Amino acid sequence: MKRILYFRLMCLLFMLSAATLDAQENVENQPEIPAKADERISKQLDSLGYKYTVNDKGDFKLICRLGDDRTQVVFINSSTQNFQDIEIREIFSPAALLKASDFSVPFLKKLLEENYNKKIGAWQMISGNESSLITYTVKADANCPALELNKIIWLVAQTAEELEIEISPEDNY
């Protein structure tokens, strides 16, 4: 659990420090992929025409343009987990970084009720010392086809963006 929290917090720091990219532009030269990066993802993203960066842990970061001059960051983990014979990968997008005082029972109830109605994915909270990151996360088959990955990327981006707009007019992610 501490490892997951550390990873998510590192992703947040990476996200805040990295430059913004356009997700759906054709790319001539992708960045060199660190050895830890899952080549299946880079091949899929390249075939879909995404621009992306890869952090030192091999995780992918892309920025989706959603209209009204808004963007949403999406992360795709290179590391996977296994459940029996299924390899699972997390694809997630941050919606808000909130202090404990920002949380209310009605807000948390809303997120849990939304989770019930979602077909895939769920809201997650990664707690730090003074704040918590709210993300929308899909845990997908690590071997899903590129077109399915594309649909998941946009689902995650749009869902997180909706909550971000609800919480703040600023485009933080």
Protein backbone atom coordinates (compact mmCIF):
# COMPACT_ATOMS: atom_id res chain seq x y z
CA MET A 1 0.00 0.00 0.00
CA LYS A 2 2.84 2.39 0.86
CA ARG A 3 4.46 1.56 -2.48
CA ILE A 4 1.27 2.47 -4.36
CA LEU A 5 0.92 5.71 -2.40
CA TYR A 6 4.56 6.57 -3.08
CA PHE A 7 4.11 5.81 -6.79
CA ARG A 8 0.97 7.94 -7.09
CA LEU A 9 2.58 10.84 -5.26
CA MET A 10 5.63 10.58 -7.54
CA CYS A 11 3.28 10.62 -10.53
CA LEU A 12 1.70 13.78 -9.19
CA LEU A 13 5.10 15.43 -8.83
CA PHE A 14 6.04 14.28 -12.33
CA MET A 15 2.75 15.58 -13.68
CA LEU A 16 3.20 18.99 -12.10
CA SER A 17 6.75 19.37 -13.41
CA ALA A 18 6.46 17.96 -16.92
CA ALA A 19 5.60 20.04 -19.96
CA THR A 20 2.14 19.85 -21.50
CA LEU A 21 1.81 17.88 -24.71
CA ASP A 22 -0.98 17.50 -27.24
CA ALA A 23 -2.28 13.94 -27.12
CA GLN A 24 -3.66 13.50 -30.63
CA GLU A 25 -0.97 15.08 -32.79
CA ASN A 26 1.09 12.97 -35.14
CA VAL A 27 4.61 12.52 -33.90
CA GLU A 28 7.74 12.12 -35.96
CA ASN A 29 10.14 11.48 -33.07
CA GLN A 30 8.91 9.96 -29.86
CA PRO A 31 11.15 10.23 -26.80
CA GLU A 32 13.53 7.41 -26.08
CA ILE A 33 11.68 4.89 -23.95
CA PRO A 34 13.33 3.91 -20.64
CA ALA A 35 14.08 0.21 -20.29
CA LYS A 36 11.31 -0.23 -17.71
CA ALA A 37 8.61 1.07 -20.09
CA ASP A 38 6.24 -1.50 -21.52
CA GLU A 39 6.85 -1.57 -25.28
CA ARG A 40 3.29 -2.77 -25.85
CA ILE A 41 2.03 0.63 -24.70
CA SER A 42 4.52 2.69 -26.71
CA LYS A 43 3.65 0.74 -29.87
CA GLN A 44 -0.07 1.25 -29.26
CA LEU A 45 0.28 4.96 -28.50
CA ASP A 46 2.48 5.43 -31.58
CA SER A 47 -0.06 3.61 -33.77
CA LEU A 48 -2.81 5.90 -32.42
CA GLY A 49 -0.74 9.06 -33.08
CA TYR A 50 -0.34 10.15 -29.46
CA LYS A 51 2.41 12.37 -28.13
CA TYR A 52 3.60 11.21 -24.74
CA THR A 53 6.41 11.30 -22.25
CA VAL A 54 7.77 8.46 -20.16
CA ASN A 55 9.00 8.96 -16.61
CA ASP A 56 12.00 7.24 -15.03
CA LYS A 57 9.74 4.41 -13.81
CA GLY A 58 8.59 3.75 -17.36
CA ASP A 59 5.05 5.10 -16.95
CA PHE A 60 3.43 6.99 -19.79
CA LYS A 61 1.93 10.48 -19.54
CA LEU A 62 -0.29 12.03 -22.18
CA ILE A 63 -2.36 15.17 -22.35
CA CYS A 64 -5.82 14.98 -23.93
CA ARG A 65 -7.37 18.15 -25.38
CA LEU A 66 -11.03 18.19 -24.39
CA GLY A 67 -12.37 21.41 -25.86
CA ASP A 68 -12.97 24.86 -24.40
CA ASP A 69 -9.16 25.13 -24.23
CA ARG A 70 -9.10 22.50 -21.48
CA THR A 71 -6.75 19.55 -21.18
CA GLN A 72 -6.60 16.48 -19.01
CA VAL A 73 -3.54 14.45 -18.12
CA VAL A 74 -3.72 10.64 -18.32
CA PHE A 75 -1.17 8.18 -16.96
CA ILE A 76 -0.69 4.61 -18.14
CA ASN A 77 1.32 2.40 -15.82
CA SER A 78 3.94 0.17 -17.38
CA SER A 79 3.91 -2.04 -14.33
CA THR A 80 1.11 -4.55 -14.23
CA GLN A 81 -0.52 -6.83 -11.72
CA ASN A 82 -1.85 -10.33 -12.17
CA PHE A 83 -5.07 -11.93 -11.09
CA GLN A 84 -4.93 -15.62 -11.90
CA ASP A 85 -4.07 -15.60 -15.63
CA ILE A 86 -5.17 -11.99 -16.29
CA GLU A 87 -2.54 -9.25 -16.56
CA ILE A 88 -3.99 -5.91 -15.43
CA ARG A 89 -2.77 -2.37 -16.05
CA GLU A 90 -3.91 0.89 -14.43
CA ILE A 91 -4.89 3.85 -16.58
CA PHE A 92 -5.78 6.90 -14.52
CA SER A 93 -6.33 10.64 -14.52
CA PRO A 94 -6.23 13.04 -11.56
CA ALA A 95 -9.30 15.17 -10.93
CA ALA A 96 -8.43 17.01 -7.73
CA LEU A 97 -5.83 17.42 -5.02
CA LEU A 98 -7.77 18.15 -1.85
CA LYS A 99 -6.97 18.82 1.80
CA ALA A 100 -8.73 16.72 4.41
CA SER A 101 -10.81 19.76 5.31
CA ASP A 102 -12.14 19.89 1.72
CA PHE A 103 -13.85 16.51 2.04
CA SER A 104 -17.44 16.24 3.10
CA VAL A 105 -19.72 13.27 3.58
CA PRO A 106 -21.97 14.38 0.68
CA PHE A 107 -18.92 14.67 -1.63
CA LEU A 108 -17.61 11.20 -0.75
CA LYS A 109 -21.11 9.76 -0.99
CA LYS A 110 -21.43 11.26 -4.48
CA LEU A 111 -18.20 9.56 -5.61
CA LEU A 112 -19.26 6.20 -4.18
CA GLU A 113 -22.66 6.46 -5.85
CA GLU A 114 -20.99 7.32 -9.15
CA ASN A 115 -18.75 4.26 -8.77
CA TYR A 116 -21.85 2.09 -8.54
CA ASN A 117 -23.13 3.40 -11.88
CA LYS A 118 -19.84 3.28 -13.81
CA LYS A 119 -19.50 0.47 -16.35
CA ILE A 120 -15.71 0.41 -16.03
CA GLY A 121 -13.41 2.33 -13.75
CA ALA A 122 -13.88 3.94 -10.38
CA TRP A 123 -12.95 6.96 -8.31
CA GLN A 124 -9.95 6.41 -6.07
CA MET A 125 -8.35 8.49 -3.34
CA ILE A 126 -4.62 8.39 -2.74
CA SER A 127 -3.94 9.95 0.64
CA GLY A 128 -0.80 11.84 1.50
CA ASN A 129 0.24 13.57 4.70
CA GLU A 130 -1.73 16.77 4.18
CA SER A 131 -3.80 16.15 1.07
CA SER A 132 -5.37 13.45 -1.07
CA LEU A 133 -5.38 12.99 -4.82
CA ILE A 134 -8.70 11.98 -6.37
CA THR A 135 -8.24 9.98 -9.58
CA TYR A 136 -10.51 8.20 -11.99
CA THR A 137 -8.91 4.83 -12.69
CA VAL A 138 -9.60 1.96 -15.05
CA LYS A 139 -7.90 -1.35 -14.40
CA ALA A 140 -7.81 -2.91 -17.86
CA ASP A 141 -6.43 -5.98 -19.55
CA ALA A 142 -2.75 -5.18 -20.17
CA ASN A 143 -3.07 -6.78 -23.59
CA CYS A 144 -6.16 -4.89 -24.75
CA PRO A 145 -6.13 -3.79 -28.40
CA ALA A 146 -5.02 -0.25 -29.28
CA LEU A 147 -8.55 0.93 -30.13
CA GLU A 148 -9.82 -0.29 -26.76
CA LEU A 149 -6.93 1.45 -25.00
CA ASN A 150 -7.85 4.64 -26.87
CA LYS A 151 -11.45 4.43 -25.63
CA ILE A 152 -10.24 3.90 -22.07
CA ILE A 153 -7.85 6.88 -22.29
CA TRP A 154 -10.69 9.17 -23.35
CA LEU A 155 -13.14 7.75 -20.80
CA VAL A 156 -10.65 8.35 -18.00
CA ALA A 157 -9.79 11.85 -19.24
CA GLN A 158 -13.39 12.97 -19.71
CA THR A 159 -14.61 11.53 -16.41
CA ALA A 160 -11.80 13.14 -14.39
CA GLU A 161 -12.30 16.43 -16.24
CA GLU A 162 -15.99 16.51 -15.32
CA LEU A 163 -15.17 16.32 -11.61
CA GLU A 164 -12.33 18.80 -11.96
CA ILE A 165 -14.71 21.34 -13.53
CA GLU A 166 -17.25 20.72 -10.77
CA ILE A 167 -14.65 21.38 -8.07
CA SER A 168 -12.78 24.27 -9.67
CA PRO A 169 -13.00 26.42 -12.80
CA GLU A 170 -9.21 26.15 -13.14
CA ASP A 171 -7.68 23.59 -15.49
CA ASN A 172 -5.14 22.02 -13.14
CA TYR A 173 -4.75 18.65 -14.80
